PDB file of N, CA and C in Angstrom:
ATOM      1  N   UNK A   1       0.814  -1.181   0.000  1.00  0.00           N
ATOM      2  CA  UNK A   1       0.000   0.000   0.000  1.00  0.00           C
ATOM      3  C   UNK A   1       0.865   1.254   0.000  1.00  0.00           C
ATOM      4  N   UNK A   2       1.899   1.248   0.815  1.00  0.00           N
ATOM      5  CA  UNK A   2       2.771   2.413   0.856  1.00  0.00           C
ATOM      6  C   UNK A   2       3.394   2.659  -0.509  1.00  0.00           C
ATOM      7  N   UNK A   3       3.805   1.602  -1.166  1.00  0.00           N
ATOM      8  CA  UNK A   3       4.393   1.718  -2.491  1.00  0.00           C
ATOM      9  C   UNK A   3       3.375   2.322  -3.464  1.00  0.00           C
ATOM     10  N   UNK A   4       2.145   1.842  -3.409  1.00  0.00           N
ATOM     11  CA  UNK A   4       1.103   2.369  -4.285  1.00  0.00           C
ATOM     12  C   UNK A   4       0.877   3.848  -4.016  1.00  0.00           C
ATOM     13  N   UNK A   5       0.849   4.252  -2.754  1.00  0.00           N
ATOM     14  CA  UNK A   5       0.632   5.648  -2.415  1.00  0.00           C
ATOM     15  C   UNK A   5       1.781   6.539  -2.880  1.00  0.00           C
ATOM     16  N   UNK A   6       3.000   6.036  -2.817  1.00  0.00           N
ATOM     17  CA  UNK A   6       4.162   6.845  -3.171  1.00  0.00           C
ATOM     18  C   UNK A   6       4.473   6.867  -4.661  1.00  0.00           C
ATOM     19  N   UNK A   7       4.131   5.798  -5.369  1.00  0.00           N
ATOM     20  CA  UNK A   7       4.571   5.675  -6.756  1.00  0.00           C
ATOM     21  C   UNK A   7       3.476   5.811  -7.802  1.00  0.00           C
ATOM     22  N   UNK A   8       2.255   6.105  -7.380  1.00  0.00           N
ATOM     23  CA  UNK A   8       1.190   6.234  -8.367  1.00  0.00           C
ATOM     24  C   UNK A   8       0.271   7.396  -8.008  1.00  0.00           C
ATOM     25  N   UNK A   9      -0.558   7.764  -8.969  1.00  0.00           N
ATOM     26  CA  UNK A   9      -1.550   8.814  -8.733  1.00  0.00           C
ATOM     27  C   UNK A   9      -2.773   8.251  -8.018  1.00  0.00           C
ATOM     28  N   UNK A  10      -2.886   6.929  -7.979  1.00  0.00           N
ATOM     29  CA  UNK A  10      -3.998   6.256  -7.314  1.00  0.00           C
ATOM     30  C   UNK A  10      -3.553   5.909  -5.910  1.00  0.00           C
ATOM     31  N   UNK A  11      -4.010   6.648  -4.936  1.00  0.00           N
ATOM     32  CA  UNK A  11      -3.547   6.380  -3.587  1.00  0.00           C
ATOM     33  C   UNK A  11      -4.593   6.692  -2.536  1.00  0.00           C
ATOM     34  N   UNK A  12      -4.371   6.135  -1.373  1.00  0.00           N
ATOM     35  CA  UNK A  12      -5.219   6.377  -0.218  1.00  0.00           C
ATOM     36  C   UNK A  12      -4.665   7.582   0.542  1.00  0.00           C
ATOM     37  N   UNK A  13      -5.477   8.178   1.415  1.00  0.00           N
ATOM     38  CA  UNK A  13      -5.009   9.333   2.177  1.00  0.00           C
ATOM     39  C   UNK A  13      -4.021   8.933   3.269  1.00  0.00           C
ATOM     40  N   UNK A  14      -3.934   7.648   3.571  1.00  0.00           N
ATOM     41  CA  UNK A  14      -3.047   7.154   4.619  1.00  0.00           C
ATOM     42  C   UNK A  14      -2.497   5.793   4.202  1.00  0.00           C
ATOM     43  N   UNK A  15      -1.331   5.454   4.716  1.00  0.00           N
ATOM     44  CA  UNK A  15      -0.792   4.111   4.505  1.00  0.00           C
ATOM     45  C   UNK A  15      -1.420   3.189   5.552  1.00  0.00           C
ATOM     46  N   UNK A  16      -2.594   2.688   5.244  1.00  0.00           N
ATOM     47  CA  UNK A  16      -3.324   1.833   6.188  1.00  0.00           C
ATOM     48  C   UNK A  16      -2.569   0.538   6.434  1.00  0.00           C
ATOM     49  N   UNK A  17      -2.877  -0.108   7.564  1.00  0.00           N
ATOM     50  CA  UNK A  17      -2.286  -1.415   7.837  1.00  0.00           C
ATOM     51  C   UNK A  17      -2.793  -2.443   6.826  1.00  0.00           C
ATOM     52  N   UNK A  18      -4.022  -2.279   6.388  1.00  0.00           N
ATOM     53  CA  UNK A  18      -4.594  -3.174   5.368  1.00  0.00           C
ATOM     54  C   UNK A  18      -5.837  -2.532   4.776  1.00  0.00           C
ATOM     55  N   UNK A  19      -6.173  -2.954   3.571  1.00  0.00           N
ATOM     56  CA  UNK A  19      -7.465  -2.628   2.975  1.00  0.00           C
ATOM     57  C   UNK A  19      -8.148  -3.957   2.722  1.00  0.00           C
ATOM     58  N   UNK A  20      -9.335  -4.100   3.274  1.00  0.00           N
ATOM     59  CA  UNK A  20     -10.064  -5.369   3.234  1.00  0.00           C
ATOM     60  C   UNK A  20     -11.213  -5.253   2.242  1.00  0.00           C
ATOM     61  N   UNK A  21     -11.345  -6.263   1.394  1.00  0.00           N
ATOM     62  CA  UNK A  21     -12.457  -6.330   0.448  1.00  0.00           C
ATOM     63  C   UNK A  21     -13.334  -7.497   0.853  1.00  0.00           C
ATOM     64  N   UNK A  22     -14.623  -7.222   1.017  1.00  0.00           N
ATOM     65  CA  UNK A  22     -15.579  -8.238   1.435  1.00  0.00           C
ATOM     66  C   UNK A  22     -16.673  -8.327   0.379  1.00  0.00           C
ATOM     67  N   UNK A  23     -16.909  -9.547  -0.107  1.00  0.00           N
ATOM     68  CA  UNK A  23     -17.961  -9.765  -1.100  1.00  0.00           C
ATOM     69  C   UNK A  23     -19.065 -10.621  -0.489  1.00  0.00           C
ATOM     70  N   UNK A  24     -20.289 -10.244  -0.777  1.00  0.00           N
ATOM     71  CA  UNK A  24     -21.439 -10.990  -0.280  1.00  0.00           C
ATOM     72  C   UNK A  24     -22.629 -10.742  -1.198  1.00  0.00           C
ATOM     73  N   UNK A  25     -23.286 -11.807  -1.608  1.00  0.00           N
ATOM     74  CA  UNK A  25     -24.482 -11.715  -2.455  1.00  0.00           C
ATOM     75  C   UNK A  25     -24.270 -10.864  -3.699  1.00  0.00           C
ATOM     76  N   UNK A  26     -23.125 -11.006  -4.304  1.00  0.00           N
ATOM     77  CA  UNK A  26     -22.870 -10.308  -5.553  1.00  0.00           C
ATOM     78  C   UNK A  26     -22.410  -8.873  -5.419  1.00  0.00           C
ATOM     79  N   UNK A  27     -22.300  -8.356  -4.220  1.00  0.00           N
ATOM     80  CA  UNK A  27     -21.798  -6.992  -4.059  1.00  0.00           C
ATOM     81  C   UNK A  27     -20.517  -7.025  -3.225  1.00  0.00           C
ATOM     82  N   UNK A  28     -19.741  -5.987  -3.366  1.00  0.00           N
ATOM     83  CA  UNK A  28     -18.464  -5.926  -2.665  1.00  0.00           C
ATOM     84  C   UNK A  28     -18.321  -4.585  -1.976  1.00  0.00           C
ATOM     85  N   UNK A  29     -17.704  -4.589  -0.818  1.00  0.00           N
ATOM     86  CA  UNK A  29     -17.372  -3.350  -0.123  1.00  0.00           C
ATOM     87  C   UNK A  29     -15.914  -3.414   0.297  1.00  0.00           C
ATOM     88  N   UNK A  30     -15.343  -2.269   0.524  1.00  0.00           N
ATOM     89  CA  UNK A  30     -13.933  -2.187   0.881  1.00  0.00           C
ATOM     90  C   UNK A  30     -13.809  -1.262   2.085  1.00  0.00           C
ATOM     91  N   UNK A  31     -12.992  -1.674   3.064  1.00  0.00           N
ATOM     92  CA  UNK A  31     -12.730  -0.799   4.203  1.00  0.00           C
ATOM     93  C   UNK A  31     -11.267  -0.913   4.594  1.00  0.00           C
ATOM     94  N   UNK A  32     -10.775   0.136   5.227  1.00  0.00           N
ATOM     95  CA  UNK A  32      -9.393   0.155   5.686  1.00  0.00           C
ATOM     96  C   UNK A  32      -9.329  -0.370   7.111  1.00  0.00           C
ATOM     97  N   UNK A  33      -8.219  -0.980   7.440  1.00  0.00           N
ATOM     98  CA  UNK A  33      -8.005  -1.532   8.771  1.00  0.00           C
ATOM     99  C   UNK A  33      -6.764  -0.876   9.364  1.00  0.00           C
ATOM    100  N   UNK A  34      -6.906  -0.364  10.572  1.00  0.00           N
ATOM    101  CA  UNK A  34      -5.798   0.237  11.304  1.00  0.00           C
ATOM    102  C   UNK A  34      -5.722  -0.393  12.674  1.00  0.00           C
ATOM    103  N   UNK A  35      -4.532  -0.734  13.102  1.00  0.00           N
ATOM    104  CA  UNK A  35      -4.328  -1.261  14.443  1.00  0.00           C
ATOM    105  C   UNK A  35      -3.398  -0.306  15.168  1.00  0.00           C
ATOM    106  N   UNK A  36      -3.914   0.332  16.198  1.00  0.00           N
ATOM    107  CA  UNK A  36      -3.156   1.307  16.969  1.00  0.00           C
ATOM    108  C   UNK A  36      -2.591   0.618  18.205  1.00  0.00           C
ATOM    109  N   UNK A  37      -1.295   0.415  18.232  1.00  0.00           N
ATOM    110  CA  UNK A  37      -0.663  -0.320  19.332  1.00  0.00           C
ATOM    111  C   UNK A  37      -0.390   0.552  20.552  1.00  0.00           C
ATOM    112  N   UNK A  38       0.030   1.790  20.300  1.00  0.00           N
ATOM    113  CA  UNK A  38       0.393   2.692  21.385  1.00  0.00           C
ATOM    114  C   UNK A  38      -0.218   4.071  21.131  1.00  0.00           C
ATOM    115  N   UNK A  39      -0.468   4.819  22.196  1.00  0.00           N
ATOM    116  CA  UNK A  39      -1.055   6.157  22.012  1.00  0.00           C
ATOM    117  C   UNK A  39      -0.066   7.134  21.395  1.00  0.00           C
ATOM    118  N   UNK A  40      -0.621   8.061  20.654  1.00  0.00           N
ATOM    119  CA  UNK A  40       0.171   9.139  20.059  1.00  0.00           C
ATOM    120  C   UNK A  40      -0.388  10.467  20.560  1.00  0.00           C
ATOM    121  N   UNK A  41       0.258  11.553  20.234  1.00  0.00           N
ATOM    122  CA  UNK A  41      -0.186  12.880  20.661  1.00  0.00           C
ATOM    123  C   UNK A  41      -1.576  13.183  20.105  1.00  0.00           C
ATOM    124  N   UNK A  42      -2.336  13.956  20.857  1.00  0.00           N
ATOM    125  CA  UNK A  42      -3.698  14.309  20.448  1.00  0.00           C
ATOM    126  C   UNK A  42      -3.717  14.958  19.066  1.00  0.00           C
ATOM    127  N   UNK A  43      -2.743  15.785  18.763  1.00  0.00           N
ATOM    128  CA  UNK A  43      -2.687  16.466  17.466  1.00  0.00           C
ATOM    129  C   UNK A  43      -2.612  15.461  16.317  1.00  0.00           C
ATOM    130  N   UNK A  44      -1.926  14.352  16.511  1.00  0.00           N
ATOM    131  CA  UNK A  44      -1.841  13.311  15.481  1.00  0.00           C
ATOM    132  C   UNK A  44      -3.243  12.810  15.111  1.00  0.00           C
ATOM    133  N   UNK A  45      -4.060  12.527  16.119  1.00  0.00           N
ATOM    134  CA  UNK A  45      -5.404  11.991  15.860  1.00  0.00           C
ATOM    135  C   UNK A  45      -6.329  13.043  15.262  1.00  0.00           C
ATOM    136  N   UNK A  46      -6.151  14.298  15.651  1.00  0.00           N
ATOM    137  CA  UNK A  46      -6.939  15.375  15.051  1.00  0.00           C
ATOM    138  C   UNK A  46      -6.614  15.493  13.565  1.00  0.00           C
ATOM    139  N   UNK A  47      -5.326  15.480  13.238  1.00  0.00           N
ATOM    140  CA  UNK A  47      -4.910  15.547  11.835  1.00  0.00           C
ATOM    141  C   UNK A  47      -5.351  14.299  11.070  1.00  0.00           C
ATOM    142  N   UNK A  48      -5.276  13.143  11.710  1.00  0.00           N
ATOM    143  CA  UNK A  48      -5.717  11.904  11.080  1.00  0.00           C
ATOM    144  C   UNK A  48      -7.205  11.972  10.738  1.00  0.00           C
ATOM    145  N   UNK A  49      -8.020  12.415  11.684  1.00  0.00           N
ATOM    146  CA  UNK A  49      -9.464  12.513  11.436  1.00  0.00           C
ATOM    147  C   UNK A  49      -9.758  13.456  10.280  1.00  0.00           C
ATOM    148  N   UNK A  50      -9.048  14.567  10.215  1.00  0.00           N
ATOM    149  CA  UNK A  50      -9.245  15.509   9.111  1.00  0.00           C
ATOM    150  C   UNK A  50      -8.832  14.902   7.776  1.00  0.00           C
ATOM    151  N   UNK A  51      -7.742  14.158   7.739  1.00  0.00           N
ATOM    152  CA  UNK A  51      -7.329  13.556   6.470  1.00  0.00           C
ATOM    153  C   UNK A  51      -8.272  12.426   6.066  1.00  0.00           C
ATOM    154  N   UNK A  52      -8.767  11.654   7.038  1.00  0.00           N
ATOM    155  CA  UNK A  52      -9.700  10.573   6.707  1.00  0.00           C
ATOM    156  C   UNK A  52     -11.000  11.107   6.134  1.00  0.00           C
ATOM    157  N   UNK A  53     -11.347  12.325   6.470  1.00  0.00           N
ATOM    158  CA  UNK A  53     -12.542  12.947   5.896  1.00  0.00           C
ATOM    159  C   UNK A  53     -12.411  13.118   4.387  1.00  0.00           C
ATOM    160  N   UNK A  54     -11.172  13.120   3.882  1.00  0.00           N
ATOM    161  CA  UNK A  54     -10.919  13.273   2.450  1.00  0.00           C
ATOM    162  C   UNK A  54     -10.863  11.946   1.702  1.00  0.00           C
ATOM    163  N   UNK A  55     -10.891  10.842   2.426  1.00  0.00           N
ATOM    164  CA  UNK A  55     -10.762   9.509   1.811  1.00  0.00           C
ATOM    165  C   UNK A  55     -11.975   9.181   0.949  1.00  0.00           C
ATOM    166  N   UNK A  56     -11.714   8.723  -0.265  1.00  0.00           N
ATOM    167  CA  UNK A  56     -12.798   8.360  -1.189  1.00  0.00           C
ATOM    168  C   UNK A  56     -12.674   6.924  -1.700  1.00  0.00           C
ATOM    169  N   UNK A  57     -11.591   6.231  -1.366  1.00  0.00           N
ATOM    170  CA  UNK A  57     -11.360   4.903  -1.925  1.00  0.00           C
ATOM    171  C   UNK A  57     -11.844   3.766  -1.041  1.00  0.00           C
ATOM    172  N   UNK A  58     -12.178   4.061   0.208  1.00  0.00           N
ATOM    173  CA  UNK A  58     -12.751   3.056   1.111  1.00  0.00           C
ATOM    174  C   UNK A  58     -13.989   3.645   1.777  1.00  0.00           C
ATOM    175  N   UNK A  59     -14.915   2.763   2.147  1.00  0.00           N
ATOM    176  CA  UNK A  59     -16.170   3.224   2.754  1.00  0.00           C
ATOM    177  C   UNK A  59     -15.990   3.664   4.199  1.00  0.00           C
ATOM    178  N   UNK A  60     -15.090   3.014   4.914  1.00  0.00           N
ATOM    179  CA  UNK A  60     -14.853   3.365   6.311  1.00  0.00           C
ATOM    180  C   UNK A  60     -13.501   2.830   6.745  1.00  0.00           C
ATOM    181  N   UNK A  61     -13.085   3.244   7.933  1.00  0.00           N
ATOM    182  CA  UNK A  61     -11.835   2.773   8.521  1.00  0.00           C
ATOM    183  C   UNK A  61     -12.181   2.093   9.833  1.00  0.00           C
ATOM    184  N   UNK A  62     -11.782   0.837   9.961  1.00  0.00           N
ATOM    185  CA  UNK A  62     -11.971   0.089  11.197  1.00  0.00           C
ATOM    186  C   UNK A  62     -10.706   0.265  12.020  1.00  0.00           C
ATOM    187  N   UNK A  63     -10.851   0.924  13.154  1.00  0.00           N
ATOM    188  CA  UNK A  63      -9.721   1.245  14.010  1.00  0.00           C
ATOM    189  C   UNK A  63      -9.731   0.302  15.193  1.00  0.00           C
ATOM    190  N   UNK A  64      -8.720  -0.542  15.309  1.00  0.00           N
ATOM    191  CA  UNK A  64      -8.615  -1.502  16.401  1.00  0.00           C
ATOM    192  C   UNK A  64      -7.540  -1.063  17.385  1.00  0.00           C
ATOM    193  N   UNK A  65      -7.798  -1.314  18.657  1.00  0.00           N
ATOM    194  CA  UNK A  65      -6.824  -0.997  19.700  1.00  0.00           C
ATOM    195  C   UNK A  65      -6.739  -2.179  20.657  1.00  0.00           C
ATOM    196  N   UNK A  66      -5.625  -2.327  21.377  1.00  0.00           N
ATOM    197  CA  UNK A  66      -5.483  -3.455  22.292  1.00  0.00           C
ATOM    198  C   UNK A  66      -6.230  -3.268  23.608  1.00  0.00           C
ATOM    199  N   UNK A  67      -6.766  -2.053  23.836  1.00  0.00           N
ATOM    200  CA  UNK A  67      -7.491  -1.830  25.093  1.00  0.00           C
ATOM    201  C   UNK A  67      -8.601  -0.807  24.888  1.00  0.00           C
ATOM    202  N   UNK A  68      -9.593  -0.884  25.737  1.00  0.00           N
ATOM    203  CA  UNK A  68     -10.685   0.100  25.711  1.00  0.00           C
ATOM    204  C   UNK A  68     -10.163   1.480  26.094  1.00  0.00           C
ATOM    205  N   UNK A  69      -9.147   1.531  26.928  1.00  0.00           N
ATOM    206  CA  UNK A  69      -8.590   2.814  27.353  1.00  0.00           C
ATOM    207  C   UNK A  69      -8.009   3.576  26.162  1.00  0.00           C
ATOM    208  N   UNK A  70      -7.260   2.876  25.327  1.00  0.00           N
ATOM    209  CA  UNK A  70      -6.678   3.527  24.157  1.00  0.00           C
ATOM    210  C   UNK A  70      -7.767   3.920  23.166  1.00  0.00           C
ATOM    211  N   UNK A  71      -8.743   3.075  22.949  1.00  0.00           N
ATOM    212  CA  UNK A  71      -9.835   3.409  22.036  1.00  0.00           C
ATOM    213  C   UNK A  71     -10.603   4.629  22.535  1.00  0.00           C
ATOM    214  N   UNK A  72     -10.827   4.703  23.818  1.00  0.00           N
ATOM    215  CA  UNK A  72     -11.528   5.847  24.406  1.00  0.00           C
ATOM    216  C   UNK A  72     -10.726   7.122  24.172  1.00  0.00           C
ATOM    217  N   UNK A  73      -9.423   7.070  24.392  1.00  0.00           N
ATOM    218  CA  UNK A  73      -8.562   8.230  24.166  1.00  0.00           C
ATOM    219  C   UNK A  73      -8.600   8.669  22.701  1.00  0.00           C
ATOM    220  N   UNK A  74      -8.425   7.726  21.789  1.00  0.00           N
ATOM    221  CA  UNK A  74      -8.422   8.046  20.359  1.00  0.00           C
ATOM    222  C   UNK A  74      -9.751   8.671  19.945  1.00  0.00           C
ATOM    223  N   UNK A  75     -10.852   8.086  20.377  1.00  0.00           N
ATOM    224  CA  UNK A  75     -12.162   8.612  19.978  1.00  0.00           C
ATOM    225  C   UNK A  75     -12.418   9.982  20.598  1.00  0.00           C
ATOM    226  N   UNK A  76     -11.957  10.208  21.805  1.00  0.00           N
ATOM    227  CA  UNK A  76     -12.179  11.486  22.488  1.00  0.00           C
ATOM    228  C   UNK A  76     -11.403  12.618  21.810  1.00  0.00           C
ATOM    229  N   UNK A  77     -10.156  12.393  21.447  1.00  0.00           N
ATOM    230  CA  UNK A  77      -9.367  13.477  20.851  1.00  0.00           C
ATOM    231  C   UNK A  77      -9.687  13.679  19.374  1.00  0.00           C
ATOM    232  N   UNK A  78     -10.195  12.679  18.698  1.00  0.00           N
ATOM    233  CA  UNK A  78     -10.513  12.813  17.269  1.00  0.00           C
ATOM    234  C   UNK A  78     -11.907  13.393  17.047  1.00  0.00           C
ATOM    235  N   UNK A  79     -12.797  13.229  17.988  1.00  0.00           N
ATOM    236  CA  UNK A  79     -14.185  13.666  17.820  1.00  0.00           C
ATOM    237  C   UNK A  79     -14.330  15.142  17.465  1.00  0.00           C
ATOM    238  N   UNK A  80     -13.573  16.082  18.075  1.00  0.00           N
ATOM    239  CA  UNK A  80     -13.740  17.493  17.704  1.00  0.00           C
ATOM    240  C   UNK A  80     -13.474  17.786  16.234  1.00  0.00           C
ATOM    241  N   UNK A  81     -12.774  16.915  15.560  1.00  0.00           N
ATOM    242  CA  UNK A  81     -12.487  17.126  14.136  1.00  0.00           C
ATOM    243  C   UNK A  81     -13.695  16.826  13.258  1.00  0.00           C
ATOM    244  N   UNK A  82     -14.799  16.385  13.856  1.00  0.00           N
ATOM    245  CA  UNK A  82     -16.022  16.190  13.114  1.00  0.00           C
ATOM    246  C   UNK A  82     -16.224  14.804  12.536  1.00  0.00           C
ATOM    247  N   UNK A  83     -15.437  13.850  12.943  1.00  0.00           N
ATOM    248  CA  UNK A  83     -15.591  12.480  12.459  1.00  0.00           C
ATOM    249  C   UNK A  83     -16.393  11.683  13.454  1.00  0.00           C
ATOM    250  N   UNK A  84     -16.991  10.632  13.010  1.00  0.00           N
ATOM    251  CA  UNK A  84     -17.761   9.745  13.878  1.00  0.00           C
ATOM    252  C   UNK A  84     -16.854   8.620  14.344  1.00  0.00           C
ATOM    253  N   UNK A  85     -16.732   8.474  15.647  1.00  0.00           N
ATOM    254  CA  UNK A  85     -15.930   7.422  16.252  1.00  0.00           C
ATOM    255  C   UNK A  85     -16.815   6.691  17.240  1.00  0.00           C
ATOM    256  N   UNK A  86     -16.693   5.414  17.300  1.00  0.00           N
ATOM    257  CA  UNK A  86     -17.467   4.630  18.253  1.00  0.00           C
ATOM    258  C   UNK A  86     -16.709   4.512  19.560  1.00  0.00           C
ATOM    259  N   UNK A  87     -17.399   4.727  20.635  1.00  0.00           N
ATOM    260  CA  UNK A  87     -16.797   4.539  21.951  1.00  0.00           C
ATOM    261  C   UNK A  87     -16.785   3.076  22.309  1.00  0.00           C
ATOM    262  N   UNK A  88     -15.871   2.666  23.188  1.00  0.00           N
ATOM    263  CA  UNK A  88     -15.796   1.252  23.604  1.00  0.00           C
ATOM    264  C   UNK A  88     -17.034   0.862  24.381  1.00  0.00           C
TER     265      UNK A  88
END
C-alpha cells in the first residue's frame, strides 16, 4: 500500500495497515483496517481525522486498539475534528 501511495496517482489518504475487500451476495465493499498499538499525541489523531474525511477509496476505517482505554482516548481526541468514532 505504501508503495502504491508513493509511486502512483492512485492512492489512499493514509498508509493503512490493510485494505479489506468483502464480497457478499454479488456486491463488494472495501474498508481500511488500522491497528493502533500505542497512544500518540492528540494532534496526530486530530490531523488523522481531518485527512480521513478526504478519503474516497474506502467506505470506512476500522480502528482496532489493544485496550478500551486507548480506544476511548483516540475517539475522544478525534471527535472534535467532526468524524464519527465509536466509543468502547
